[in-house]
Amino acid sequence: MTGLFEGVGIALDSLRANKGRAALTILGVAIGVMVVMVIAAMISGINRSVSNIFESIAPRTFLVWRFFQPGVNVSNGSDESSPWRRNPVITEVEADRIALLPSVRYVTRRDESSATVEYGDRRLESIEVSGLSAQWVEVNGGDVNPGRTFTRLEDVANDAVAVINRKLEDQLFRGRDPIGQAIHVAGAPFRVIGVYTPPPSLFSGATPPFVGIPHGAFVKHVPYIKGWMRLAVAPAPAYTQQQSMDEVVATLRSLRGLKPGQDNNFSIVTQDKLLDSWNQVTGMFFLVMLVLSSIGLMVGGVGVVAIMMISVTERTREIGVRKALGARRAEILFQFLMEAAFLTSLGGLIGIALGAGIGWGVHLISGFPISLPWWSFAIGLGFSASVGIFFGMWPAFKASRLDPIEALRYE
């Protein structure tokens, strides 16, 4: 501990003696750590917001998809990079059969496309249009008000009714009451029966204009890419999610003629899997930003080498005196490493304070969700100290290897 306090004391003396050089070293490290803190705060806040969204919408519901692979998927158009091609599409017959299972409360269908939406002389291009089942609001969360969503009878009858969201209401009707008004979706007439408000979340303000219509009417009137119908399955009250999932898997395997030992050619996706996939994506983004922010740390590291080499040169006689009085190489090495680590750790603390301040400032001004996890402080401080030790190793090693006689003669 005596050596530790000695090293810190000498580092403080060096800071006072060389304020300009020390400031440049500290600045580079502080910038790198600040970027790490800001990115960690934003990503953690986004992840927490997304997690809250999943918790707020039908937590027992699970999805049946043609294919699901977590993380970032890159396809070059070949069969090897597009494994979904090996899976047959989810069909209406399969959806109807799943809906009859005793462990299933309901099944909703969903297909998506983009189409032209018209009202009077207003025409909007490339509006998101979804073909949905009657219980879609229960799955997605949120509320339809004013108006209502379409009923099961309207769904089964493929009635030409539509629910729009607030964004489309503002762009298409501009203050007029949309309920009961006729709009044209992909050239087909639909009657607006409700306005949808999604559950509050980070992405609410960025929600694009949207029209939801009964799935059968969607298939009949809207051009879309076939083969990507998704099912949302709600377990019956007397069954657990796992029991319902097991029964759905057994039914689909039977309908598709899969033998024991063959892999499923469909995907059952729970909200936990979706959340894990999201975390993988944000984790990769954080890793990329960490690499970019390391440039600032490298700048600080180069500054550490420069300032420590100058320090070793200026204190050559001091090193000679200490060695003549019995100081060992390890003690000299430790002293200079502590000095370098203290410099960069001070920069790390400044970067942590700046990053936390910027994060909370963004939150207060824009409402963007911010979370400062404990590990971001540990990473910031650990990285900064590691930079000092790594880049200070060569100057410290050089100081420890000085010949005491030659050092004492140094002018």
Protein backbone atom coordinates (compact mmCIF):
# COMPACT_ATOMS: atom_id res chain seq x y z
CA MET A 1 0.00 0.00 0.00
CA THR A 2 2.94 2.31 0.69
CA GLY A 3 4.14 1.83 -2.90
CA LEU A 4 0.64 2.49 -4.17
CA PHE A 5 0.30 5.80 -2.32
CA GLU A 6 3.84 6.72 -3.31
CA GLY A 7 3.01 6.11 -6.97
CA VAL A 8 -0.14 8.23 -6.72
CA GLY A 9 1.73 11.02 -4.99
CA ILE A 10 4.45 11.06 -7.64
CA ALA A 11 1.75 11.02 -10.36
CA LEU A 12 0.11 14.07 -8.78
CA ASP A 13 3.44 15.87 -8.67
CA SER A 14 3.95 15.04 -12.36
CA LEU A 15 0.47 16.36 -13.17
CA ARG A 16 1.20 19.65 -11.45
CA ALA A 17 4.59 19.97 -13.13
CA ASN A 18 3.36 19.12 -16.65
CA LYS A 19 -0.23 20.33 -16.79
CA GLY A 20 -0.39 20.74 -20.57
CA ARG A 21 0.98 17.31 -21.46
CA ALA A 22 -1.11 15.61 -18.77
CA ALA A 23 -4.27 17.39 -19.94
CA LEU A 24 -3.83 16.12 -23.50
CA THR A 25 -3.35 12.57 -22.24
CA ILE A 26 -6.38 12.78 -19.98
CA LEU A 27 -8.50 14.33 -22.77
CA GLY A 28 -7.96 11.44 -25.20
CA VAL A 29 -8.90 8.85 -22.58
CA ALA A 30 -11.86 10.92 -21.35
CA ILE A 31 -13.33 11.16 -24.86
CA GLY A 32 -13.07 7.39 -25.42
CA VAL A 33 -14.67 6.56 -22.06
CA MET A 34 -17.36 9.22 -22.55
CA VAL A 35 -18.44 7.61 -25.85
CA VAL A 36 -18.58 4.18 -24.17
CA MET A 37 -20.76 5.57 -21.37
CA VAL A 38 -23.18 7.39 -23.69
CA ILE A 39 -23.61 4.36 -25.97
CA ALA A 40 -24.03 1.99 -23.00
CA ALA A 41 -26.64 4.28 -21.45
CA MET A 42 -28.63 4.56 -24.69
CA ILE A 43 -28.51 0.85 -25.56
CA SER A 44 -29.44 -0.17 -22.00
CA GLY A 45 -32.32 2.29 -22.06
CA ILE A 46 -33.56 0.98 -25.41
CA ASN A 47 -33.30 -2.64 -24.21
CA ARG A 48 -35.25 -1.84 -21.05
CA SER A 49 -37.94 -0.07 -23.10
CA VAL A 50 -38.23 -3.02 -25.50
CA SER A 51 -38.41 -5.43 -22.56
CA ASN A 52 -41.26 -3.38 -21.07
CA ILE A 53 -43.08 -3.55 -24.42
CA PHE A 54 -42.87 -7.35 -24.46
CA GLU A 55 -44.10 -7.52 -20.88
CA SER A 56 -47.11 -5.33 -21.68
CA ILE A 57 -48.46 -7.34 -24.65
CA ALA A 58 -50.00 -10.78 -24.12
CA PRO A 59 -47.00 -12.33 -22.31
CA ARG A 60 -48.26 -15.94 -22.78
CA THR A 61 -48.75 -15.59 -26.53
CA PHE A 62 -46.22 -17.32 -28.79
CA LEU A 63 -45.65 -17.09 -32.53
CA VAL A 64 -45.58 -19.66 -35.31
CA TRP A 65 -43.31 -18.58 -38.14
CA ARG A 66 -42.00 -20.18 -41.28
CA PHE A 67 -38.44 -19.51 -40.13
CA PHE A 68 -36.71 -17.70 -37.29
CA GLN A 69 -33.01 -17.13 -36.66
CA PRO A 70 -31.93 -14.79 -33.86
CA GLY A 71 -29.45 -11.98 -34.34
CA VAL A 72 -28.44 -10.32 -37.59
CA ASN A 73 -29.12 -12.44 -40.69
CA VAL A 74 -27.33 -11.67 -43.95
CA SER A 75 -28.48 -13.25 -47.21
CA ASN A 76 -26.68 -13.07 -50.55
CA GLY A 77 -29.55 -14.78 -52.35
CA SER A 78 -28.12 -18.30 -52.23
CA ASP A 79 -29.89 -21.25 -50.63
CA GLU A 80 -27.03 -21.62 -48.12
CA SER A 81 -27.51 -18.11 -46.74
CA SER A 82 -31.34 -18.31 -47.00
CA PRO A 83 -32.25 -21.42 -44.96
CA TRP A 84 -35.89 -20.33 -44.78
CA ARG A 85 -36.33 -21.60 -48.34
CA ARG A 86 -36.19 -25.17 -47.05
CA ASN A 87 -39.28 -24.62 -44.90
CA PRO A 88 -42.78 -24.86 -46.39
CA VAL A 89 -45.07 -21.87 -45.87
CA ILE A 90 -47.58 -21.65 -43.03
CA THR A 91 -51.00 -22.37 -44.58
CA GLU A 92 -54.58 -21.43 -43.77
CA VAL A 93 -55.37 -25.12 -43.20
CA GLU A 94 -52.65 -25.33 -40.54
CA ALA A 95 -53.91 -22.15 -38.88
CA ASP A 96 -57.47 -23.50 -38.79
CA ARG A 97 -56.29 -26.83 -37.37
CA ILE A 98 -54.26 -25.14 -34.62
CA ALA A 99 -57.29 -23.01 -33.68
CA LEU A 100 -59.26 -26.23 -32.93
CA LEU A 101 -56.77 -27.54 -30.36
CA PRO A 102 -58.11 -27.67 -26.78
CA SER A 103 -54.96 -25.92 -25.45
CA VAL A 104 -55.44 -22.95 -27.79
CA ARG A 105 -57.67 -19.99 -26.97
CA TYR A 106 -57.32 -18.27 -30.34
CA VAL A 107 -55.01 -17.96 -33.35
CA THR A 108 -54.41 -14.70 -35.19
CA ARG A 109 -53.02 -14.43 -38.73
CA ARG A 110 -50.82 -11.63 -39.98
CA ASP A 111 -49.58 -10.75 -43.47
CA GLU A 112 -48.03 -7.43 -44.46
CA SER A 113 -47.55 -5.35 -47.56
CA SER A 114 -47.47 -1.73 -48.70
CA ALA A 115 -50.08 -0.12 -50.89
CA THR A 116 -51.60 3.16 -52.00
CA VAL A 117 -54.24 4.62 -49.66
CA GLU A 118 -56.64 7.28 -50.94
CA TYR A 119 -59.27 9.52 -49.40
CA GLY A 120 -60.99 12.07 -51.60
CA ASP A 121 -58.27 13.86 -53.55
CA ARG A 122 -55.51 12.79 -51.16
CA ARG A 123 -53.29 9.91 -52.20
CA LEU A 124 -50.53 8.39 -50.02
CA GLU A 125 -48.03 5.94 -51.47
CA SER A 126 -46.34 2.94 -49.82
CA ILE A 127 -48.51 2.84 -46.70
CA GLU A 128 -48.06 -0.19 -44.44
CA VAL A 129 -51.11 -2.47 -44.78
CA SER A 130 -51.59 -5.53 -42.55
CA GLY A 131 -54.04 -8.39 -42.91
CA LEU A 132 -55.07 -9.29 -39.37
CA SER A 133 -57.42 -11.45 -37.33
CA ALA A 134 -60.03 -10.06 -34.95
CA GLN A 135 -57.90 -10.46 -31.78
CA TRP A 136 -54.88 -8.56 -33.15
CA VAL A 137 -55.20 -5.70 -30.64
CA GLU A 138 -55.02 -8.17 -27.76
CA VAL A 139 -51.75 -9.51 -29.19
CA ASN A 140 -50.19 -6.15 -30.11
CA GLY A 141 -51.40 -4.18 -27.11
CA GLY A 142 -52.67 -0.63 -27.35
CA ASP A 143 -56.21 0.56 -27.86
CA VAL A 144 -58.71 1.39 -30.61
CA ASN A 145 -60.40 4.68 -29.74
CA PRO A 146 -62.41 6.29 -31.20
CA GLY A 147 -64.28 3.49 -32.90
CA ARG A 148 -63.56 -0.22 -32.65
CA THR A 149 -61.63 -3.02 -34.27
CA PHE A 150 -63.36 -5.51 -36.59
CA THR A 151 -65.26 -8.39 -35.05
CA ARG A 152 -64.75 -12.11 -35.63
CA LEU A 153 -67.81 -12.16 -37.91
CA GLU A 154 -66.40 -9.30 -40.00
CA ASP A 155 -63.08 -11.14 -40.08
CA VAL A 156 -64.62 -14.40 -41.26
CA ALA A 157 -66.84 -12.60 -43.80
CA ASN A 158 -63.86 -10.65 -45.22
CA ASP A 159 -65.73 -7.40 -44.73
CA ALA A 160 -64.23 -4.26 -46.24
CA VAL A 161 -63.58 -2.50 -42.92
CA ALA A 162 -60.34 -0.87 -41.80
CA VAL A 163 -58.59 0.39 -38.68
CA ILE A 164 -56.03 3.16 -39.16
CA ASN A 165 -53.46 4.55 -36.76
CA ARG A 166 -53.03 8.12 -35.54
CA LYS A 167 -50.26 8.91 -38.01
CA LEU A 168 -52.43 7.97 -41.01
CA GLU A 169 -55.41 9.80 -39.53
CA ASP A 170 -53.36 13.01 -39.33
CA GLN A 171 -51.98 12.67 -42.85
CA LEU A 172 -55.19 11.56 -44.57
CA PHE A 173 -58.05 13.30 -42.74
CA ARG A 174 -56.31 16.39 -41.29
CA GLY A 175 -58.65 16.98 -38.38
CA ARG A 176 -61.83 15.45 -39.81
CA ASP A 177 -63.55 12.57 -38.01
CA PRO A 178 -62.38 9.40 -39.85
CA ILE A 179 -65.01 7.03 -38.41
CA GLY A 180 -67.38 5.89 -41.14
CA GLN A 181 -65.37 7.50 -43.92
CA ALA A 182 -64.56 5.54 -47.09
CA ILE A 183 -60.93 5.11 -48.08
CA HIS A 184 -59.40 3.13 -50.93
CA VAL A 185 -56.65 0.62 -50.11
CA ALA A 186 -54.85 -0.68 -53.21
CA GLY A 187 -57.85 0.60 -55.21
CA ALA A 188 -60.48 -1.29 -53.15
CA PRO A 189 -63.01 0.65 -51.01
CA PHE A 190 -62.88 0.18 -47.21
CA ARG A 191 -64.86 1.81 -44.42
CA VAL A 192 -62.87 3.19 -41.47
CA ILE A 193 -64.28 1.83 -38.20
CA GLY A 194 -61.54 2.71 -35.71
CA VAL A 195 -58.31 4.55 -34.89
CA TYR A 196 -55.51 2.53 -33.31
CA THR A 197 -53.14 3.89 -30.65
CA PRO A 198 -50.15 1.60 -29.95
CA PRO A 199 -48.90 1.04 -26.40
CA PRO A 200 -46.51 3.76 -25.21
CA SER A 201 -42.92 2.91 -26.06
CA LEU A 202 -39.65 4.33 -27.31
CA PHE A 203 -40.77 3.85 -30.91
CA SER A 204 -44.30 5.27 -30.62
CA GLY A 205 -43.33 8.60 -32.17
CA ALA A 206 -41.65 6.88 -35.14
CA THR A 207 -44.58 4.59 -35.99
CA PRO A 208 -45.29 4.78 -39.74
CA PRO A 209 -48.83 5.28 -41.18
CA PHE A 210 -50.72 2.01 -40.90
CA VAL A 211 -53.95 0.33 -42.04
CA GLY A 212 -55.23 -2.91 -40.52
CA ILE A 213 -57.91 -4.90 -42.39
CA PRO A 214 -59.38 -8.42 -42.01
CA HIS A 215 -56.95 -11.05 -43.24
CA GLY A 216 -59.31 -12.47 -45.85
CA ALA A 217 -59.99 -9.02 -47.30
CA PHE A 218 -56.23 -8.41 -47.37
CA VAL A 219 -55.61 -11.60 -49.36
CA LYS A 220 -58.43 -10.68 -51.73
CA HIS A 221 -57.58 -7.04 -52.45
CA VAL A 222 -53.95 -6.24 -51.57
CA PRO A 223 -50.93 -7.43 -53.63
CA TYR A 224 -48.42 -9.02 -51.26
CA ILE A 225 -45.54 -11.50 -51.13
CA LYS A 226 -47.06 -14.86 -50.29
CA GLY A 227 -45.45 -17.34 -47.96
CA TRP A 228 -44.78 -15.18 -44.90
CA MET A 229 -48.03 -15.44 -42.95
CA ARG A 230 -47.29 -15.38 -39.20
CA LEU A 231 -49.50 -16.86 -36.51
CA ALA A 232 -49.87 -15.66 -32.94
CA VAL A 233 -51.22 -18.38 -30.65
CA ALA A 234 -52.78 -17.65 -27.26
CA PRO A 235 -52.90 -20.62 -24.85
CA ALA A 236 -56.23 -21.53 -23.28
CA PRO A 237 -56.61 -20.47 -19.60
CA ALA A 238 -56.34 -24.03 -18.26
CA TYR A 239 -53.04 -24.70 -20.09
CA THR A 240 -49.51 -23.41 -19.67
CA GLN A 241 -47.65 -21.84 -22.56
CA GLN A 242 -45.38 -24.89 -22.80
CA GLN A 243 -48.31 -27.32 -22.95
CA SER A 244 -49.91 -25.30 -25.72
CA MET A 245 -46.61 -25.06 -27.60
CA ASP A 246 -46.08 -28.83 -27.34
CA GLU A 247 -49.55 -29.49 -28.76
CA VAL A 248 -49.03 -27.01 -31.62
CA VAL A 249 -45.67 -28.59 -32.48
CA ALA A 250 -47.17 -32.10 -32.46
CA THR A 251 -50.05 -30.97 -34.69
CA LEU A 252 -47.83 -29.25 -37.26
CA ARG A 253 -45.41 -32.19 -37.38
CA SER A 254 -48.35 -34.54 -37.98
CA LEU A 255 -49.84 -32.32 -40.71
CA ARG A 256 -46.44 -32.06 -42.42
CA GLY A 257 -45.65 -35.76 -42.13
CA LEU A 258 -42.43 -35.31 -40.20
CA LYS A 259 -40.95 -38.51 -38.80
CA PRO A 260 -39.43 -38.87 -35.31
CA GLY A 261 -35.87 -37.53 -35.40
CA GLN A 262 -36.55 -35.06 -38.21
CA ASP A 263 -36.11 -31.39 -37.35
CA ASN A 264 -39.09 -29.07 -37.35
CA ASN A 265 -39.50 -27.21 -40.64
CA PHE A 266 -41.23 -24.32 -38.85
CA SER A 267 -40.36 -22.10 -35.88
CA ILE A 268 -42.06 -21.59 -32.55
CA VAL A 269 -41.00 -18.19 -31.22
CA THR A 270 -41.63 -16.95 -27.69
CA GLN A 271 -41.20 -13.38 -26.53
CA ASP A 272 -38.02 -14.43 -24.70
CA LYS A 273 -36.52 -15.52 -28.03
CA LEU A 274 -37.47 -12.22 -29.65
CA LEU A 275 -35.94 -10.32 -26.75
CA ASP A 276 -32.75 -12.39 -26.94
CA SER A 277 -32.55 -11.68 -30.68
CA TRP A 278 -32.95 -7.95 -30.05
CA ASN A 279 -30.25 -8.05 -27.37
CA GLN A 280 -27.88 -9.78 -29.81
CA VAL A 281 -28.43 -7.02 -32.37
CA THR A 282 -27.87 -4.21 -29.85
CA GLY A 283 -24.90 -6.13 -28.42
CA MET A 284 -23.24 -6.17 -31.84
CA PHE A 285 -23.95 -2.45 -32.24
CA PHE A 286 -22.42 -1.77 -28.83
CA LEU A 287 -19.35 -3.82 -29.78
CA VAL A 288 -18.88 -1.79 -32.97
CA MET A 289 -19.20 1.47 -31.04
CA LEU A 290 -16.75 0.15 -28.45
CA VAL A 291 -14.20 -0.46 -31.19
CA LEU A 292 -14.75 3.03 -32.61
CA SER A 293 -14.46 4.65 -29.20
CA SER A 294 -11.18 2.81 -28.62
CA ILE A 295 -9.64 5.29 -31.07
CA GLY A 296 -9.92 7.93 -28.37
CA LEU A 297 -8.31 5.55 -25.91
CA MET A 298 -5.50 4.86 -28.38
CA VAL A 299 -4.89 8.59 -28.69
CA GLY A 300 -4.71 8.78 -24.93
CA GLY A 301 -2.39 5.76 -24.91
CA VAL A 302 0.03 7.42 -27.33
CA GLY A 303 -0.03 10.45 -25.07
CA VAL A 304 0.81 8.21 -22.12
CA VAL A 305 3.89 6.85 -23.94
CA ALA A 306 5.04 10.37 -24.81
CA ILE A 307 4.53 11.92 -21.39
CA MET A 308 6.03 8.94 -19.55
CA MET A 309 9.11 8.82 -21.80
CA ILE A 310 9.66 12.52 -21.12
CA SER A 311 9.11 11.89 -17.42
CA VAL A 312 11.67 9.08 -17.41
CA THR A 313 14.20 11.32 -19.17
CA GLU A 314 13.62 14.25 -16.81
CA ARG A 315 13.88 12.04 -13.73
CA THR A 316 16.89 9.98 -14.75
CA ARG A 317 19.01 11.28 -11.85
CA GLU A 318 16.15 10.64 -9.42
CA ILE A 319 15.93 7.04 -10.65
CA GLY A 320 19.71 6.70 -10.22
CA VAL A 321 19.48 7.99 -6.62
CA ARG A 322 16.64 5.61 -5.77
CA LYS A 323 18.52 2.66 -7.22
CA ALA A 324 21.70 3.68 -5.35
CA LEU A 325 19.67 3.68 -2.12
CA GLY A 326 18.48 0.14 -2.78
CA ALA A 327 15.31 0.45 -4.88
CA ARG A 328 14.73 -2.68 -6.96
CA ARG A 329 13.76 -2.82 -10.63
CA ALA A 330 10.26 -4.03 -9.72
CA GLU A 331 9.74 -1.01 -7.46
CA ILE A 332 10.81 1.43 -10.19
CA LEU A 333 8.60 -0.40 -12.71
CA PHE A 334 5.62 -0.30 -10.32
CA GLN A 335 6.13 3.40 -9.61
CA PHE A 336 5.97 4.41 -13.27
CA LEU A 337 3.12 2.02 -14.07
CA MET A 338 1.13 3.50 -11.19
CA GLU A 339 1.82 6.97 -12.52
CA ALA A 340 0.58 6.02 -16.00
CA ALA A 341 -2.48 4.17 -14.67
CA PHE A 342 -3.37 7.12 -12.43
CA LEU A 343 -3.25 9.53 -15.37
CA THR A 344 -5.54 7.42 -17.56
CA SER A 345 -7.84 6.50 -14.65
CA LEU A 346 -8.32 10.19 -13.95
CA GLY A 347 -9.25 10.60 -17.61
CA GLY A 348 -11.63 7.64 -17.25
CA LEU A 349 -13.37 9.22 -14.24
CA ILE A 350 -13.81 12.48 -16.15
CA GLY A 351 -15.17 10.53 -19.15
CA ILE A 352 -17.61 8.64 -16.91
CA ALA A 353 -18.91 11.88 -15.42
CA LEU A 354 -19.25 13.50 -18.86
CA GLY A 355 -20.94 10.42 -20.37
CA ALA A 356 -23.43 10.14 -17.51
CA GLY A 357 -24.17 13.86 -17.71
CA ILE A 358 -24.71 13.80 -21.48
CA GLY A 359 -26.93 10.71 -21.18
CA TRP A 360 -29.20 12.28 -18.58
CA GLY A 361 -29.22 15.55 -20.51
CA VAL A 362 -30.48 13.74 -23.61
CA HIS A 363 -33.13 12.03 -21.48
CA LEU A 364 -34.33 15.29 -19.92
CA ILE A 365 -34.45 17.15 -23.23
CA SER A 366 -35.87 14.47 -25.56
CA GLY A 367 -37.37 11.87 -23.23
CA PHE A 368 -35.12 9.20 -24.77
CA PRO A 369 -34.89 6.28 -22.31
CA ILE A 370 -31.54 6.16 -20.56
CA SER A 371 -30.18 3.54 -18.19
CA LEU A 372 -26.73 3.58 -16.61
CA PRO A 373 -25.87 -0.02 -15.67
CA TRP A 374 -23.13 -0.64 -13.12
CA TRP A 375 -21.04 -2.53 -15.69
CA SER A 376 -20.67 0.59 -17.83
CA PHE A 377 -18.86 2.33 -14.95
CA ALA A 378 -16.68 -0.75 -14.44
CA ILE A 379 -15.87 -0.99 -18.17
CA GLY A 380 -15.04 2.72 -18.40
CA LEU A 381 -12.73 2.70 -15.39
CA GLY A 382 -11.22 -0.68 -16.25
CA PHE A 383 -10.49 0.32 -19.86
CA SER A 384 -8.87 3.58 -18.86
CA ALA A 385 -6.63 1.95 -16.24
CA SER A 386 -5.70 -0.82 -18.70
CA VAL A 387 -4.67 1.76 -21.30
CA GLY A 388 -2.33 3.36 -18.78
CA ILE A 389 -0.77 0.07 -17.78
CA PHE A 390 -0.42 -1.17 -21.37
CA PHE A 391 1.03 1.99 -22.88
CA GLY A 392 3.03 2.85 -19.77
CA MET A 393 4.77 -0.54 -19.76
CA TRP A 394 7.59 0.41 -22.16
CA PRO A 395 8.57 3.69 -20.41
CA ALA A 396 8.33 1.97 -17.02
CA PHE A 397 10.44 -0.95 -18.25
CA LYS A 398 13.02 1.45 -19.66
CA ALA A 399 13.16 3.31 -16.33
CA SER A 400 13.63 0.09 -14.38
CA ARG A 401 16.50 -0.99 -16.67
CA LEU A 402 18.54 2.19 -16.23
CA ASP A 403 22.07 1.68 -14.95
CA PRO A 404 22.31 3.54 -11.61
CA ILE A 405 25.87 4.79 -12.24
CA GLU A 406 24.99 6.16 -15.68
CA ALA A 407 21.76 7.62 -14.29
CA LEU A 408 23.61 9.48 -11.53
CA ARG A 409 25.95 11.04 -14.15
CA TYR A 410 23.01 12.19 -16.30
CA GLU A 411 22.70 15.99 -16.71
